[in-house]
Amino acid sequence: MTNTREPTSPIRQRRAFFLRRGPMENIATVLIAGGFLMLFQPFLLALYTYSLAMLLTGTVMFVIVSKFPE
């Protein structure tokens, strides 16, 4: 006897990782948090130097990615 049951929900097409909203928002949030920590650490000037660039990158990425479909 074979199982010929119809699926109850339509099959969703899987999007590539970089086109999905959830994981990319998480990456953007980590970039923002990393830039914030780099800004307020007193040890390495190189981290302080790139902190604003990292904060801005994370913020712009979050704004763009938040427009992606879920």
PDB file of N, CA and C in Angstrom:
ATOM      1  N   MET A   1       0.840  -1.167   0.000  1.00  0.00           N
ATOM      2  CA  MET A   1       0.000   0.000   0.000  1.00  0.00           C
ATOM      3  C   MET A   1       0.895   1.243   0.000  1.00  0.00           C
ATOM      4  N   THR A   2       0.592   2.198  -0.843  1.00  0.00           N
ATOM      5  CA  THR A   2       1.406   3.409  -0.940  1.00  0.00           C
ATOM      6  C   THR A   2       0.701   4.565  -0.258  1.00  0.00           C
ATOM      7  N   ASN A   3       1.487   5.492   0.168  1.00  0.00           N
ATOM      8  CA  ASN A   3       0.965   6.684   0.824  1.00  0.00           C
ATOM      9  C   ASN A   3       0.778   7.762  -0.228  1.00  0.00           C
ATOM     10  N   THR A   4      -0.458   8.113  -0.532  1.00  0.00           N
ATOM     11  CA  THR A   4      -0.754   9.114  -1.562  1.00  0.00           C
ATOM     12  C   THR A   4      -1.391  10.353  -0.951  1.00  0.00           C
ATOM     13  N   ARG A   5      -1.071  10.622   0.281  1.00  0.00           N
ATOM     14  CA  ARG A   5      -1.646  11.765   0.966  1.00  0.00           C
ATOM     15  C   ARG A   5      -1.105  13.061   0.372  1.00  0.00           C
ATOM     16  N   GLU A   6      -1.981  14.015   0.163  1.00  0.00           N
ATOM     17  CA  GLU A   6      -1.611  15.321  -0.372  1.00  0.00           C
ATOM     18  C   GLU A   6      -0.997  16.166   0.745  1.00  0.00           C
ATOM     19  N   PRO A   7       0.004  16.963   0.430  1.00  0.00           N
ATOM     20  CA  PRO A   7       0.540  17.857   1.460  1.00  0.00           C
ATOM     21  C   PRO A   7      -0.491  18.911   1.831  1.00  0.00           C
ATOM     22  N   THR A   8      -0.571  19.239   3.117  1.00  0.00           N
ATOM     23  CA  THR A   8      -1.579  20.192   3.571  1.00  0.00           C
ATOM     24  C   THR A   8      -1.157  21.647   3.350  1.00  0.00           C
ATOM     25  N   SER A   9       0.118  21.907   3.274  1.00  0.00           N
ATOM     26  CA  SER A   9       0.579  23.273   3.042  1.00  0.00           C
ATOM     27  C   SER A   9       1.402  23.319   1.763  1.00  0.00           C
ATOM     28  N   PRO A  10       1.352  24.446   1.069  1.00  0.00           N
ATOM     29  CA  PRO A  10       2.158  24.540  -0.155  1.00  0.00           C
ATOM     30  C   PRO A  10       3.648  24.499   0.179  1.00  0.00           C
ATOM     31  N   ILE A  11       4.409  23.957  -0.724  1.00  0.00           N
ATOM     32  CA  ILE A  11       5.851  23.862  -0.531  1.00  0.00           C
ATOM     33  C   ILE A  11       6.460  25.240  -0.764  1.00  0.00           C
ATOM     34  N   ARG A  12       7.171  25.742   0.262  1.00  0.00           N
ATOM     35  CA  ARG A  12       7.803  27.047   0.136  1.00  0.00           C
ATOM     36  C   ARG A  12       9.160  26.900  -0.516  1.00  0.00           C
ATOM     37  N   GLN A  13       9.460  27.845  -1.365  1.00  0.00           N
ATOM     38  CA  GLN A  13      10.767  27.856  -2.005  1.00  0.00           C
ATOM     39  C   GLN A  13      11.785  28.408  -1.025  1.00  0.00           C
ATOM     40  N   ARG A  14      12.912  27.708  -0.870  1.00  0.00           N
ATOM     41  CA  ARG A  14      13.960  28.151   0.042  1.00  0.00           C
ATOM     42  C   ARG A  14      14.765  29.262  -0.619  1.00  0.00           C
ATOM     43  N   ARG A  15      14.926  30.361   0.098  1.00  0.00           N
ATOM     44  CA  ARG A  15      15.752  31.455  -0.398  1.00  0.00           C
ATOM     45  C   ARG A  15      17.187  31.245   0.039  1.00  0.00           C
ATOM     46  N   ALA A  16      18.085  31.857  -0.684  1.00  0.00           N
ATOM     47  CA  ALA A  16      19.494  31.813  -0.302  1.00  0.00           C
ATOM     48  C   ALA A  16      19.669  32.496   1.049  1.00  0.00           C
ATOM     49  N   PHE A  17      20.734  32.137   1.753  1.00  0.00           N
ATOM     50  CA  PHE A  17      20.970  32.661   3.106  1.00  0.00           C
ATOM     51  C   PHE A  17      21.019  34.176   3.132  1.00  0.00           C
ATOM     52  N   PHE A  18      21.656  34.780   2.147  1.00  0.00           N
ATOM     53  CA  PHE A  18      21.817  36.232   2.157  1.00  0.00           C
ATOM     54  C   PHE A  18      20.561  36.968   1.698  1.00  0.00           C
ATOM     55  N   LEU A  19      19.505  36.248   1.340  1.00  0.00           N
ATOM     56  CA  LEU A  19      18.243  36.888   0.965  1.00  0.00           C
ATOM     57  C   LEU A  19      17.156  36.678   2.012  1.00  0.00           C
ATOM     58  N   ARG A  20      17.484  36.017   3.120  1.00  0.00           N
ATOM     59  CA  ARG A  20      16.514  35.808   4.181  1.00  0.00           C
ATOM     60  C   ARG A  20      16.662  36.875   5.246  1.00  0.00           C
ATOM     61  N   ARG A  21      15.540  37.331   5.730  1.00  0.00           N
ATOM     62  CA  ARG A  21      15.523  38.468   6.645  1.00  0.00           C
ATOM     63  C   ARG A  21      16.098  38.148   8.024  1.00  0.00           C
ATOM     64  N   GLY A  22      15.678  37.071   8.630  1.00  0.00           N
ATOM     65  CA  GLY A  22      16.065  36.752  10.000  1.00  0.00           C
ATOM     66  C   GLY A  22      17.563  36.648  10.219  1.00  0.00           C
ATOM     67  N   PRO A  23      18.253  35.779   9.483  1.00  0.00           N
ATOM     68  CA  PRO A  23      19.697  35.650   9.708  1.00  0.00           C
ATOM     69  C   PRO A  23      20.475  36.933   9.400  1.00  0.00           C
ATOM     70  N   MET A  24      20.066  37.651   8.392  1.00  0.00           N
ATOM     71  CA  MET A  24      20.795  38.870   8.038  1.00  0.00           C
ATOM     72  C   MET A  24      20.565  39.981   9.068  1.00  0.00           C
ATOM     73  N   GLU A  25      19.357  40.034   9.656  1.00  0.00           N
ATOM     74  CA  GLU A  25      19.129  41.001  10.727  1.00  0.00           C
ATOM     75  C   GLU A  25      20.002  40.669  11.930  1.00  0.00           C
ATOM     76  N   ASN A  26      20.182  39.390  12.203  1.00  0.00           N
ATOM     77  CA  ASN A  26      21.043  38.985  13.316  1.00  0.00           C
ATOM     78  C   ASN A  26      22.493  39.394  13.057  1.00  0.00           C
ATOM     79  N   ILE A  27      22.961  39.209  11.835  1.00  0.00           N
ATOM     80  CA  ILE A  27      24.332  39.607  11.495  1.00  0.00           C
ATOM     81  C   ILE A  27      24.490  41.116  11.629  1.00  0.00           C
ATOM     82  N   ALA A  28      23.493  41.882  11.160  1.00  0.00           N
ATOM     83  CA  ALA A  28      23.558  43.344  11.276  1.00  0.00           C
ATOM     84  C   ALA A  28      23.574  43.770  12.737  1.00  0.00           C
ATOM     85  N   THR A  29      22.794  43.105  13.575  1.00  0.00           N
ATOM     86  CA  THR A  29      22.769  43.431  14.996  1.00  0.00           C
ATOM     87  C   THR A  29      24.114  43.139  15.651  1.00  0.00           C
ATOM     88  N   VAL A  30      24.751  42.036  15.263  1.00  0.00           N
ATOM     89  CA  VAL A  30      26.069  41.702  15.801  1.00  0.00           C
ATOM     90  C   VAL A  30      27.103  42.751  15.363  1.00  0.00           C
ATOM     91  N   LEU A  31      27.008  43.210  14.120  1.00  0.00           N
ATOM     92  CA  LEU A  31      27.920  44.267  13.658  1.00  0.00           C
ATOM     93  C   LEU A  31      27.740  45.554  14.461  1.00  0.00           C
ATOM     94  N   ILE A  32      26.502  45.923  14.721  1.00  0.00           N
ATOM     95  CA  ILE A  32      26.235  47.132  15.500  1.00  0.00           C
ATOM     96  C   ILE A  32      26.792  46.976  16.918  1.00  0.00           C
ATOM     97  N   ALA A  33      26.526  45.834  17.537  1.00  0.00           N
ATOM     98  CA  ALA A  33      27.025  45.597  18.899  1.00  0.00           C
ATOM     99  C   ALA A  33      28.550  45.565  18.929  1.00  0.00           C
ATOM    100  N   GLY A  34      29.165  44.954  17.925  1.00  0.00           N
ATOM    101  CA  GLY A  34      30.623  44.928  17.854  1.00  0.00           C
ATOM    102  C   GLY A  34      31.207  46.311  17.687  1.00  0.00           C
ATOM    103  N   GLY A  35      30.593  47.134  16.846  1.00  0.00           N
ATOM    104  CA  GLY A  35      31.058  48.508  16.672  1.00  0.00           C
ATOM    105  C   GLY A  35      30.915  49.324  17.941  1.00  0.00           C
ATOM    106  N   PHE A  36      29.841  49.088  18.674  1.00  0.00           N
ATOM    107  CA  PHE A  36      29.631  49.781  19.949  1.00  0.00           C
ATOM    108  C   PHE A  36      30.708  49.395  20.958  1.00  0.00           C
ATOM    109  N   LEU A  37      30.994  48.103  21.054  1.00  0.00           N
ATOM    110  CA  LEU A  37      32.034  47.648  21.978  1.00  0.00           C
ATOM    111  C   LEU A  37      33.413  48.167  21.564  1.00  0.00           C
ATOM    112  N   MET A  38      33.669  48.196  20.262  1.00  0.00           N
ATOM    113  CA  MET A  38      34.953  48.708  19.784  1.00  0.00           C
ATOM    114  C   MET A  38      35.099  50.198  20.116  1.00  0.00           C
ATOM    115  N   LEU A  39      33.998  50.921  20.094  1.00  0.00           N
ATOM    116  CA  LEU A  39      34.034  52.356  20.362  1.00  0.00           C
ATOM    117  C   LEU A  39      34.394  52.662  21.812  1.00  0.00           C
ATOM    118  N   PHE A  40      33.966  51.797  22.738  1.00  0.00           N
ATOM    119  CA  PHE A  40      34.142  52.093  24.157  1.00  0.00           C
ATOM    120  C   PHE A  40      35.232  51.285  24.842  1.00  0.00           C
ATOM    121  N   GLN A  41      36.074  50.646  24.083  1.00  0.00           N
ATOM    122  CA  GLN A  41      37.201  49.929  24.698  1.00  0.00           C
ATOM    123  C   GLN A  41      38.412  50.859  24.725  1.00  0.00           C
ATOM    124  N   PRO A  42      39.209  50.807  25.797  1.00  0.00           N
ATOM    125  CA  PRO A  42      40.322  51.750  25.938  1.00  0.00           C
ATOM    126  C   PRO A  42      41.692  51.185  25.561  1.00  0.00           C
ATOM    127  N   PHE A  43      41.767  50.009  24.941  1.00  0.00           N
ATOM    128  CA  PHE A  43      43.045  49.330  24.794  1.00  0.00           C
ATOM    129  C   PHE A  43      43.710  49.509  23.431  1.00  0.00           C
ATOM    130  N   LEU A  44      42.988  49.343  22.362  1.00  0.00           N
ATOM    131  CA  LEU A  44      43.601  49.346  21.025  1.00  0.00           C
ATOM    132  C   LEU A  44      43.039  50.486  20.182  1.00  0.00           C
ATOM    133  N   LEU A  45      43.926  51.302  19.678  1.00  0.00           N
ATOM    134  CA  LEU A  45      43.511  52.427  18.841  1.00  0.00           C
ATOM    135  C   LEU A  45      42.934  51.942  17.505  1.00  0.00           C
ATOM    136  N   ALA A  46      43.427  50.830  16.987  1.00  0.00           N
ATOM    137  CA  ALA A  46      42.931  50.309  15.710  1.00  0.00           C
ATOM    138  C   ALA A  46      41.455  49.925  15.812  1.00  0.00           C
ATOM    139  N   LEU A  47      41.047  49.321  16.928  1.00  0.00           N
ATOM    140  CA  LEU A  47      39.632  48.980  17.105  1.00  0.00           C
ATOM    141  C   LEU A  47      38.780  50.240  17.185  1.00  0.00           C
ATOM    142  N   TYR A  48      39.273  51.228  17.917  1.00  0.00           N
ATOM    143  CA  TYR A  48      38.550  52.496  18.022  1.00  0.00           C
ATOM    144  C   TYR A  48      38.428  53.174  16.657  1.00  0.00           C
ATOM    145  N   THR A  49      39.482  53.076  15.855  1.00  0.00           N
ATOM    146  CA  THR A  49      39.493  53.726  14.548  1.00  0.00           C
ATOM    147  C   THR A  49      38.405  53.189  13.629  1.00  0.00           C
ATOM    148  N   TYR A  50      38.180  51.884  13.649  1.00  0.00           N
ATOM    149  CA  TYR A  50      37.208  51.267  12.745  1.00  0.00           C
ATOM    150  C   TYR A  50      35.825  51.082  13.366  1.00  0.00           C
ATOM    151  N   SER A  51      35.620  51.555  14.577  1.00  0.00           N
ATOM    152  CA  SER A  51      34.337  51.337  15.243  1.00  0.00           C
ATOM    153  C   SER A  51      33.193  52.077  14.551  1.00  0.00           C
ATOM    154  N   LEU A  52      33.413  53.313  14.150  1.00  0.00           N
ATOM    155  CA  LEU A  52      32.341  54.067  13.499  1.00  0.00           C
ATOM    156  C   LEU A  52      31.964  53.438  12.164  1.00  0.00           C
ATOM    157  N   ALA A  53      32.954  52.989  11.404  1.00  0.00           N
ATOM    158  CA  ALA A  53      32.668  52.337  10.130  1.00  0.00           C
ATOM    159  C   ALA A  53      31.842  51.069  10.346  1.00  0.00           C
ATOM    160  N   MET A  54      32.168  50.326  11.396  1.00  0.00           N
ATOM    161  CA  MET A  54      31.429  49.096  11.683  1.00  0.00           C
ATOM    162  C   MET A  54      30.006  49.402  12.145  1.00  0.00           C
ATOM    163  N   LEU A  55      29.855  50.432  12.970  1.00  0.00           N
ATOM    164  CA  LEU A  55      28.514  50.849  13.399  1.00  0.00           C
ATOM    165  C   LEU A  55      27.657  51.274  12.211  1.00  0.00           C
ATOM    166  N   LEU A  56      28.235  52.078  11.334  1.00  0.00           N
ATOM    167  CA  LEU A  56      27.477  52.547  10.169  1.00  0.00           C
ATOM    168  C   LEU A  56      27.135  51.404   9.220  1.00  0.00           C
ATOM    169  N   THR A  57      28.059  50.477   9.025  1.00  0.00           N
ATOM    170  CA  THR A  57      27.803  49.325   8.165  1.00  0.00           C
ATOM    171  C   THR A  57      26.656  48.491   8.717  1.00  0.00           C
ATOM    172  N   GLY A  58      26.692  48.212  10.004  1.00  0.00           N
ATOM    173  CA  GLY A  58      25.618  47.435  10.622  1.00  0.00           C
ATOM    174  C   GLY A  58      24.281  48.144  10.548  1.00  0.00           C
ATOM    175  N   THR A  59      24.287  49.453  10.756  1.00  0.00           N
ATOM    176  CA  THR A  59      23.032  50.211  10.712  1.00  0.00           C
ATOM    177  C   THR A  59      22.441  50.237   9.310  1.00  0.00           C
ATOM    178  N   VAL A  60      23.260  50.522   8.323  1.00  0.00           N
ATOM    179  CA  VAL A  60      22.773  50.543   6.932  1.00  0.00           C
ATOM    180  C   VAL A  60      22.310  49.147   6.515  1.00  0.00           C
ATOM    181  N   MET A  61      23.055  48.129   6.900  1.00  0.00           N
ATOM    182  CA  MET A  61      22.663  46.756   6.579  1.00  0.00           C
ATOM    183  C   MET A  61      21.319  46.417   7.223  1.00  0.00           C
ATOM    184  N   PHE A  62      21.118  46.827   8.476  1.00  0.00           N
ATOM    185  CA  PHE A  62      19.858  46.537   9.151  1.00  0.00           C
ATOM    186  C   PHE A  62      18.693  47.237   8.466  1.00  0.00           C
ATOM    187  N   VAL A  63      18.886  48.481   8.063  1.00  0.00           N
ATOM    188  CA  VAL A  63      17.819  49.230   7.389  1.00  0.00           C
ATOM    189  C   VAL A  63      17.448  48.564   6.070  1.00  0.00           C
ATOM    190  N   ILE A  64      18.445  48.136   5.312  1.00  0.00           N
ATOM    191  CA  ILE A  64      18.185  47.491   4.022  1.00  0.00           C
ATOM    192  C   ILE A  64      17.538  46.122   4.212  1.00  0.00           C
ATOM    193  N   VAL A  65      18.087  45.327   5.119  1.00  0.00           N
ATOM    194  CA  VAL A  65      17.602  43.957   5.306  1.00  0.00           C
ATOM    195  C   VAL A  65      16.213  43.933   5.907  1.00  0.00           C
ATOM    196  N   SER A  66      15.853  44.950   6.688  1.00  0.00           N
ATOM    197  CA  SER A  66      14.522  44.956   7.287  1.00  0.00           C
ATOM    198  C   SER A  66      13.416  45.107   6.239  1.00  0.00           C
ATOM    199  N   LYS A  67      13.789  45.456   5.021  1.00  0.00           N
ATOM    200  CA  LYS A  67      12.806  45.565   3.936  1.00  0.00           C
ATOM    201  C   LYS A  67      12.611  44.235   3.196  1.00  0.00           C
ATOM    202  N   PHE A  68      13.456  43.243   3.474  1.00  0.00           N
ATOM    203  CA  PHE A  68      13.349  41.940   2.808  1.00  0.00           C
ATOM    204  C   PHE A  68      12.072  41.232   3.271  1.00  0.00           C
ATOM    205  N   PRO A  69      11.496  40.382   2.407  1.00  0.00           N
ATOM    206  CA  PRO A  69      10.347  39.576   2.858  1.00  0.00           C
ATOM    207  C   PRO A  69      10.818  38.497   3.831  1.00  0.00           C
ATOM    208  N   GLU A  70       9.890  38.057   4.676  1.00  0.00           N
ATOM    209  CA  GLU A  70      10.258  37.033   5.663  1.00  0.00           C
ATOM    210  C   GLU A  70      10.350  35.663   5.069  1.00  0.00           C
TER     211      GLU A  70
END
